[in-house]
Protein backbone atom coordinates (compact mmCIF):
# COMPACT_ATOMS: atom_id res chain seq x y z
CA MET A 1 90.52 94.37 95.26
CA ASN A 2 88.40 97.03 97.35
CA LYS A 3 88.10 99.01 94.29
CA GLU A 4 85.52 101.40 96.56
CA LEU A 5 88.21 102.07 99.20
CA MET A 6 90.98 102.60 96.24
CA ASP A 7 88.69 105.13 94.53
CA ALA A 8 88.02 106.76 97.86
CA LEU A 9 91.82 107.23 98.81
CA GLU A 10 92.62 108.34 95.38
CA ILE A 11 90.16 111.03 95.58
CA LEU A 12 91.60 112.06 98.62
CA GLU A 13 95.06 112.11 97.64
CA LYS A 14 94.33 114.18 94.78
CA GLU A 15 92.19 116.73 96.47
CA LYS A 16 93.97 117.02 99.94
CA GLU A 17 97.30 116.21 98.66
CA ILE A 18 97.45 113.66 101.57
CA SER A 19 99.79 110.59 101.01
CA LYS A 20 98.22 106.96 100.83
CA GLU A 21 100.50 105.96 103.42
CA ALA A 22 98.65 108.54 105.94
CA LEU A 23 95.28 107.38 104.76
CA PHE A 24 96.37 103.56 105.23
CA GLU A 25 97.75 104.55 108.76
CA ALA A 26 94.39 106.38 109.40
CA ILE A 27 92.54 103.20 108.44
CA SER A 28 94.59 100.92 110.69
CA ASN A 29 94.13 103.33 113.62
CA SER A 30 90.29 103.42 113.28
CA LEU A 31 89.90 99.56 113.29
CA VAL A 32 92.18 99.30 116.26
CA THR A 33 89.97 101.91 117.91
CA ALA A 34 86.93 100.20 117.00
CA CYS A 35 88.18 96.65 118.41
CA LYS A 36 89.02 98.29 121.49
CA ASN A 37 85.41 99.57 121.81
CA HIS A 38 84.05 96.11 120.67
CA PHE A 39 86.05 93.75 122.74
CA LYS A 40 87.11 96.33 125.48
CA SER A 41 90.55 95.66 124.57
CA ALA A 42 92.99 95.75 121.57
CA ASP A 43 96.59 94.63 122.84
CA ASN A 44 96.28 91.63 120.63
CA ILE A 45 94.81 93.19 117.53
CA ARG A 46 96.79 93.86 114.30
CA ILE A 47 95.96 95.12 111.19
CA ASP A 48 97.24 93.78 107.66
CA ILE A 49 96.53 96.17 104.68
CA ASP A 50 97.64 95.20 101.25
CA TYR A 51 98.55 98.77 99.79
CA GLU A 52 98.14 97.44 96.31
CA THR A 53 94.65 96.22 96.41
CA CYS A 54 93.36 97.99 99.61
CA ASP A 55 92.35 94.58 100.95
CA TYR A 56 92.78 94.64 104.66
CA HIS A 57 92.36 92.20 107.44
CA VAL A 58 91.89 92.42 111.27
CA ILE A 59 93.81 89.92 113.04
CA ALA A 60 93.40 88.74 116.92
CA THR A 61 96.34 86.77 118.18
CA LYS A 62 94.48 84.25 121.13
CA GLU A 63 95.82 82.14 123.45
CA ILE A 64 94.98 78.47 123.13
CA ILE A 65 93.04 77.10 126.06
CA GLU A 66 92.23 73.44 126.47
CA LEU A 67 88.82 73.27 127.30
CA ALA A 68 86.11 75.61 126.03
CA GLU A 69 84.72 76.17 129.58
CA ASP A 70 87.82 77.20 131.03
CA VAL A 71 88.40 80.17 128.49
CA MET A 72 87.72 83.36 130.40
CA ASP A 73 88.03 86.10 127.79
CA PRO A 74 87.02 85.01 124.38
CA ALA A 75 88.64 88.22 123.06
CA ILE A 76 92.18 87.14 123.94
CA GLU A 77 91.69 83.36 124.59
CA ILE A 78 90.34 80.26 122.40
CA SER A 79 89.75 76.74 122.92
CA LEU A 80 92.01 73.92 121.74
CA GLU A 81 88.87 72.65 119.57
CA GLU A 82 88.17 76.06 117.95
CA ALA A 83 91.61 76.65 117.29
CA ARG A 84 92.40 73.44 115.30
CA LEU A 85 89.79 74.27 113.18
CA ILE A 86 92.03 77.31 112.08
CA ASP A 87 95.27 75.53 112.62
CA PRO A 88 95.48 71.86 112.69
CA ASN A 89 98.94 71.98 114.45
CA ALA A 90 97.58 74.01 117.23
CA GLU A 91 98.56 73.23 120.85
CA VAL A 92 97.56 74.06 124.34
CA GLY A 93 99.47 77.15 125.68
CA GLY A 94 100.43 78.18 122.14
CA THR A 95 98.48 81.44 120.07
CA VAL A 96 96.67 81.22 116.87
CA ASP A 97 95.82 84.12 114.80
CA VAL A 98 92.21 84.83 114.19
CA GLU A 99 90.45 87.03 111.70
CA ILE A 100 87.71 89.27 112.84
CA ASN A 101 84.71 90.41 110.63
CA SER A 102 84.77 94.02 111.01
CA LYS A 103 81.25 94.23 109.75
CA GLU A 104 80.07 92.71 113.05
CA PHE A 105 81.34 95.78 115.03
CA GLY A 106 78.53 97.90 116.64
CA ARG A 107 77.27 101.10 115.90
CA ILE A 108 79.31 103.12 118.47
CA ALA A 109 82.27 100.94 117.40
CA THR A 110 81.77 102.05 113.94
CA GLN A 111 81.24 105.66 114.83
CA ASN A 112 84.33 106.10 116.89
CA ALA A 113 86.27 104.58 113.90
CA LYS A 114 84.90 106.89 111.64
CA ASN A 115 85.75 109.78 113.83
CA VAL A 116 89.49 108.49 113.98
CA ILE A 117 89.88 108.48 110.20
CA THR A 118 88.31 112.05 110.00
CA GLN A 119 90.34 113.61 112.74
CA LYS A 120 93.56 111.97 111.07
CA ILE A 121 92.80 113.32 107.46
CA ARG A 122 91.99 116.61 109.14
CA GLU A 123 95.71 116.53 110.77
CA GLU A 124 97.18 115.59 107.62
CA GLU A 125 95.58 118.21 105.76
CA ARG A 126 96.90 120.87 108.30
CA ASN A 127 100.22 119.28 107.84
CA VAL A 128 100.02 119.60 104.03
CA ILE A 129 99.13 123.29 104.32
CA TYR A 130 101.67 123.95 107.02
CA ASN A 131 104.42 122.67 104.86
CA GLN A 132 103.21 124.24 101.65
CA PHE A 133 103.32 127.77 103.06
CA HIS A 134 106.28 127.23 105.48
CA SER A 135 108.10 126.77 102.42
CA LEU A 136 106.73 130.35 101.20
CA GLU A 137 108.04 132.10 104.36
CA LYS A 138 110.22 135.02 103.86
CA ASP A 139 109.07 134.87 100.10
CA ILE A 140 106.25 136.50 98.19
CA THR A 141 102.94 135.29 96.91
CA THR A 142 99.76 136.35 95.51
CA GLY A 143 96.55 136.61 97.70
CA VAL A 144 93.25 137.77 97.18
CA VAL A 145 91.76 140.60 99.57
CA GLN A 146 88.71 138.93 101.35
CA ARG A 147 87.25 140.92 104.31
CA ARG A 148 88.13 143.22 107.08
CA VAL A 149 88.79 141.49 110.69
CA GLY A 150 88.92 144.42 112.86
CA ARG A 151 91.26 146.69 111.78
CA ASN A 152 93.12 144.19 109.89
CA TRP A 153 92.60 142.37 106.52
CA SER A 154 91.98 138.69 105.68
CA ILE A 155 93.77 137.59 102.63
CA ASN A 156 93.06 134.52 100.82
CA LEU A 157 96.33 132.41 99.29
CA GLY A 158 94.43 129.36 98.00
CA LYS A 159 94.06 126.75 100.62
CA ALA A 160 94.76 128.92 103.52
CA ASP A 161 94.02 132.26 104.57
CA ALA A 162 96.63 134.74 106.02
CA LEU A 163 96.46 137.91 108.21
CA LEU A 164 97.36 141.28 107.14
CA MET A 165 97.76 143.39 110.31
CA GLU A 166 97.34 147.08 110.17
CA SER A 167 100.95 147.50 111.33
CA GLU A 168 101.88 145.77 108.05
CA MET A 169 99.81 147.78 105.70
CA VAL A 170 101.15 150.36 103.40
CA PRO A 171 100.12 153.98 104.97
CA GLY A 172 97.13 155.39 102.71
CA GLU A 173 97.03 152.24 100.43
CA VAL A 174 93.21 151.26 99.89
CA LEU A 175 92.23 147.57 99.64
CA ARG A 176 88.80 146.34 98.56
CA PRO A 177 87.60 142.79 98.44
CA ASN A 178 88.69 140.32 95.51
CA ASP A 179 91.75 142.92 95.14
CA ARG A 180 94.47 140.85 94.12
CA ILE A 181 97.78 141.61 95.66
CA LYS A 182 101.22 140.70 96.27
CA VAL A 183 102.16 139.96 99.54
CA TYR A 184 105.56 138.98 101.79
CA VAL A 185 104.94 135.82 104.19
CA LEU A 186 106.49 136.70 107.32
CA GLU A 187 105.57 133.87 109.45
CA VAL A 188 103.93 130.65 109.22
CA ARG A 189 103.15 128.87 112.48
CA ASN A 190 101.41 125.58 113.07
CA VAL A 191 98.70 125.87 115.69
CA SER A 192 95.96 123.83 116.93
CA LYS A 193 93.23 125.11 114.65
CA GLY A 194 95.61 124.83 111.48
CA SER A 195 98.17 127.38 110.21
CA LYS A 196 98.46 130.74 111.28
CA ILE A 197 100.02 133.05 108.55
CA THR A 198 100.90 136.54 108.77
CA VAL A 199 101.90 138.71 105.96
CA SER A 200 103.18 142.15 105.10
CA ARG A 201 103.04 144.72 102.64
CA THR A 202 105.52 146.92 104.07
CA HIS A 203 108.56 144.66 104.51
CA PRO A 204 111.71 146.08 102.53
CA ASP A 205 112.00 142.27 101.11
CA LEU A 206 108.84 142.46 99.20
CA VAL A 207 110.45 144.98 96.99
CA LYS A 208 113.46 142.88 96.53
CA ARG A 209 111.74 139.73 95.80
CA LEU A 210 109.66 141.67 93.31
CA PHE A 211 112.79 142.64 91.55
CA GLU A 212 114.06 139.01 91.80
CA ALA A 213 110.90 137.78 90.25
CA GLU A 214 110.87 140.40 87.33
CA VAL A 215 114.79 140.96 86.47
CA THR A 216 116.44 137.75 84.84
CA GLU A 217 119.73 139.03 85.54
CA ILE A 218 119.09 138.75 89.17
CA GLN A 219 117.64 135.25 89.03
CA ASP A 220 120.41 133.93 87.02
CA GLY A 221 123.20 135.29 89.68
CA THR A 222 124.54 138.02 87.22
CA VAL A 223 123.10 141.29 88.94
CA GLU A 224 122.91 140.94 93.07
CA ILE A 225 120.54 143.13 95.58
CA MET A 226 123.18 144.05 98.09
CA SER A 227 121.05 146.55 100.42
CA ILE A 228 117.72 148.21 100.43
CA ALA A 229 116.02 150.70 102.31
CA ARG A 230 112.29 151.38 102.32
CA GLU A 231 109.60 154.04 103.58
CA PRO A 232 106.52 152.11 102.42
CA GLY A 233 104.09 153.79 100.16
CA SER A 234 106.44 156.80 99.69
CA ARG A 235 110.01 155.74 98.36
CA THR A 236 112.75 152.98 98.26
CA LYS A 237 116.45 152.87 97.66
CA MET A 238 118.08 149.73 96.34
CA ALA A 239 121.88 149.30 95.67
CA VAL A 240 122.58 146.49 93.20
CA TYR A 241 125.87 145.21 91.70
CA SER A 242 126.75 143.44 88.73
CA LYS A 243 129.43 140.32 88.72
CA ASP A 244 129.69 140.83 85.07
CA PRO A 245 131.48 144.05 84.18
CA ASN A 246 129.57 144.14 81.14
CA VAL A 247 126.07 143.92 82.45
CA ASP A 248 124.88 147.36 83.85
CA PRO A 249 123.17 146.54 87.29
CA VAL A 250 121.14 149.45 87.29
CA GLY A 251 119.77 149.45 83.65
CA ALA A 252 119.03 145.65 84.06
CA CYS A 253 116.67 146.47 86.95
CA VAL A 254 115.07 149.47 85.16
CA GLY A 255 114.57 147.43 82.08
CA VAL A 256 113.96 148.77 78.26
CA LYS A 257 112.14 152.06 78.61
CA GLY A 258 111.70 151.20 82.30
CA ASP A 259 109.31 148.44 81.97
CA ARG A 260 110.65 146.12 84.59
CA ALA A 261 110.67 148.87 87.22
CA LYS A 262 107.30 150.31 86.07
CA ALA A 263 105.54 146.78 86.77
CA ILE A 264 106.99 146.95 90.18
CA VAL A 265 105.91 150.51 90.89
CA ASN A 266 102.25 149.64 89.51
CA GLU A 267 102.38 146.70 91.99
CA LEU A 268 103.22 149.21 95.04
CA ASN A 269 100.65 151.51 93.82
CA GLY A 270 103.31 154.25 92.44
CA GLU A 271 105.79 154.23 95.24
CA LYS A 272 109.07 155.59 94.01
CA ILE A 273 112.25 153.32 93.65
CA ASP A 274 115.85 154.69 93.29
CA ILE A 275 118.32 152.38 92.05
CA ILE A 276 122.08 153.08 92.53
CA CYS A 277 124.97 151.00 91.99
CA TRP A 278 126.75 149.53 94.96
CA ASP A 279 130.35 150.46 95.74
CA GLU A 280 132.82 148.91 98.06
CA ASN A 281 134.10 152.30 98.87
CA PRO A 282 132.06 153.82 101.43
CA GLY A 283 132.49 157.38 100.14
CA ASN A 284 131.34 156.25 96.53
CA LEU A 285 128.49 154.32 97.84
CA ILE A 286 127.09 157.54 100.05
CA ARG A 287 127.66 159.77 97.01
CA ASN A 288 125.44 157.27 95.02
CA ALA A 289 123.05 156.60 97.76
CA LEU A 290 122.47 160.61 98.20
CA SER A 291 121.51 160.87 94.35
CA PRO A 292 120.14 162.66 92.79
CA ALA A 293 121.85 165.59 94.59
CA GLU A 294 125.44 166.52 93.60
CA ILE A 295 128.25 165.90 96.31
CA ILE A 296 131.17 167.84 96.69
CA ASN A 297 132.95 165.68 99.16
CA VAL A 298 132.40 162.69 101.39
CA PHE A 299 134.26 161.89 104.31
CA ALA A 300 133.55 158.62 105.83
CA ASP A 301 134.86 156.74 108.75
CA PRO A 302 134.42 152.85 108.34
CA GLU A 303 134.98 152.19 112.18
CA GLU A 304 132.36 154.63 113.46
CA ARG A 305 130.02 154.16 110.69
CA THR A 306 129.68 157.79 110.23
CA ALA A 307 130.01 160.17 107.26
CA ASN A 308 130.33 163.94 106.74
CA VAL A 309 129.02 165.09 103.34
CA VAL A 310 129.35 168.68 101.62
CA VAL A 311 127.13 169.91 99.09
CA PRO A 312 126.49 172.89 97.10
CA ASP A 313 124.42 175.29 98.67
CA ALA A 314 122.01 175.08 96.33
CA GLN A 315 121.82 171.05 96.57
CA LEU A 316 121.46 171.13 100.36
CA SER A 317 117.47 170.73 100.37
CA LEU A 318 117.68 168.11 97.46
CA ALA A 319 120.39 165.84 99.30
CA ILE A 320 118.32 165.95 102.50
CA GLY A 321 114.77 165.55 100.92
CA LYS A 322 111.65 166.23 101.89
CA ALA A 323 110.97 165.89 105.54
CA GLY A 324 114.94 164.63 105.39
CA GLN A 325 113.55 161.36 103.47
CA ASN A 326 116.54 161.41 100.93
CA ALA A 327 119.09 161.44 103.77
CA ARG A 328 117.13 159.12 106.18
CA LEU A 329 117.03 156.67 103.37
CA ALA A 330 120.65 156.94 102.12
CA ALA A 331 121.75 156.28 105.92
CA LYS A 332 119.72 152.91 106.21
CA LEU A 333 120.90 151.87 103.05
CA THR A 334 124.56 152.47 103.51
CA ASN A 335 124.20 151.74 107.41
CA TYR A 336 126.04 154.94 108.01
CA LYS A 337 125.27 158.00 110.23
CA ILE A 338 125.42 160.72 107.53
CA ASP A 339 125.73 164.34 108.30
CA ILE A 340 125.31 166.61 105.39
CA LYS A 341 126.34 170.28 105.05
CA SER A 342 126.38 172.86 102.47
CA GLU A 343 129.60 174.24 101.40
CA THR A 344 128.83 177.34 103.00
CA GLN A 345 128.25 175.61 106.56
CA ALA A 346 131.03 173.44 105.85
CA LYS A 347 133.66 176.02 105.99
CA ASP A 348 133.12 176.58 109.69
CA ALA A 349 132.80 172.93 110.85
CA TYR A 350 135.28 170.64 111.78
CA GLY A 351 135.58 167.12 109.88
CA PHE A 352 133.79 168.98 106.42
CA ARG A 353 137.20 169.97 104.76
CA ILE A 354 140.00 168.05 103.23
CA GLU A 355 142.64 169.73 105.77
CA ASP A 356 140.86 168.35 108.86
CA TYR A 357 142.10 164.83 107.52
CA MET A 358 145.52 165.54 106.19
CA GLY A 359 147.87 162.89 107.33
CA ASP A 360 144.88 160.89 108.51
CA ASP A 361 144.76 157.51 106.86
CA GLU A 362 141.53 156.19 109.19
CA TYR A 363 138.93 157.56 106.76
CA ASP A 364 137.64 156.55 103.27
CA ASP A 365 136.35 159.65 101.12
CA GLY A 366 134.35 160.04 98.14
CA TYR A 367 136.36 163.18 97.07
CA ASP A 368 135.61 164.17 93.49
CA GLU A 369 138.87 166.27 92.66
CA GLU A 370 137.86 166.76 88.89
CA TYR A 371 134.62 167.97 89.98
CA ASP A 372 135.97 170.27 92.86
CA GLU A 373 138.18 171.71 90.22
CA ALA A 374 135.42 172.38 87.98
CA TYR A 375 133.43 173.75 90.59
CA ASP A 376 136.28 176.39 91.68
CA GLU A 377 136.89 177.51 88.40
CA GLU A 378 133.11 178.25 87.55
CA TYR A 379 132.96 180.20 90.94
CA SER A 380 136.15 181.66 91.09
CA ASP A 381 135.41 184.93 92.31
CA ASP A 382 132.68 185.95 95.25
CA SER A 383 129.92 187.13 92.86
CA TYR A 384 128.66 183.89 92.77
CA MET A 385 127.61 183.47 96.16
CA GLU A 386 124.73 186.19 95.75
CA ALA A 387 123.30 184.36 92.66
CA GLU A 388 123.56 181.03 94.68
CA SER A 389 121.44 182.54 97.97
CA ALA A 390 118.96 183.61 95.56
CA GLU A 391 118.77 180.32 93.58
CA TYR A 392 118.63 178.28 97.02
CA ALA A 393 116.01 180.85 98.36
CA ALA A 394 113.59 179.98 95.27
CA ALA A 395 114.50 176.09 95.50
CA SER A 396 113.05 176.29 99.01
CA GLU A 397 109.45 177.80 97.92
CA THR A 398 109.43 175.62 94.72
CA PRO A 399 109.65 171.97 94.19
CA ILE A 400 112.68 170.78 92.17
CA ASP A 401 111.70 169.18 88.98
CA GLY A 402 112.60 165.94 87.30
CA GLU A 403 113.57 162.73 89.30
CA ALA A 404 113.33 165.04 92.66
CA ASP A 405 109.86 166.60 91.56
CA ASP A 406 108.83 166.27 95.23
CA GLU A 407 112.27 167.58 96.77
CA ASN A 408 113.07 163.62 96.99
């Protein structure tokens, strides 16, 4: 048994995660290369390796020539007299297997054999790394921030380094060497120098994967993330659906005392996350997506993917959000083009009133009749307009408190 070789192979297999079969193939190829350098030919060479004992034999198949003086090339020919020392039944014109002592190879042949083994080990190591990280493509992993590479960052993922490009960094996020961060693996490519891995901190699926890892109900399939819209570093809206009527999908994602959501918000350095219930009715879905704003009417056209939304005058700025963010994220989340008007504006705009759709079955609405009746009863006279105008003017100058403390 070749114990030294076996120990070396076991160490390589454990540390580099390279299979013994690949290593035996490397040894075989290196011995063939050594023979080619030593004898100038290796067409008649084969390598026999015992995988259990690691014993190997280099065998040359030679043609039997009758007389020694007729042997033109000792690498491929052998005299009958020498052949019968190996096989007593050898005959002229036949072949005989001759074992070659690899220790007789010259320095150059040995060095070339070593290079073949080294090259094979490097190739296999690259393949192992590629396969490992290719399985993580479109998933998240933890990395350690290393150093700046121009305007980008190098992120160590363990056995390989990934590139976090400036375009995939969260605006305003400050990274420091040795910081541990979660990243979304965008792409893994096998190139000549190894695996090229690109990662992201801005992709919407980063938030999705974080919730999948944090929320048990998502892992077991009870709760499903239906849609997600994100403006990195600022706010994310996520629509969730529960297959079990006894499970609240929003509550499952938020967690007890908000622990689950807080863990993800902390990972994203304070990025706000709005979680809403998914609804098959586009009007109700749009109503949910525009929360925390109150909605009077939603007129949605599923074919055109457009929706007209009516909100109380005092809720217009909240529905639209700071710099239009709430409406923009709602549009991305629902995949509808949303037009929002206040109740006063809607009175003079076509498509924002119930009567505009009378007899028209080509739309779905999120009309809340109970809310509308209560609203009309509360503001039955014209005196409310003056109060509403004053309240709206004040809202334009001061942030709205609670969940929308930054005007959403």
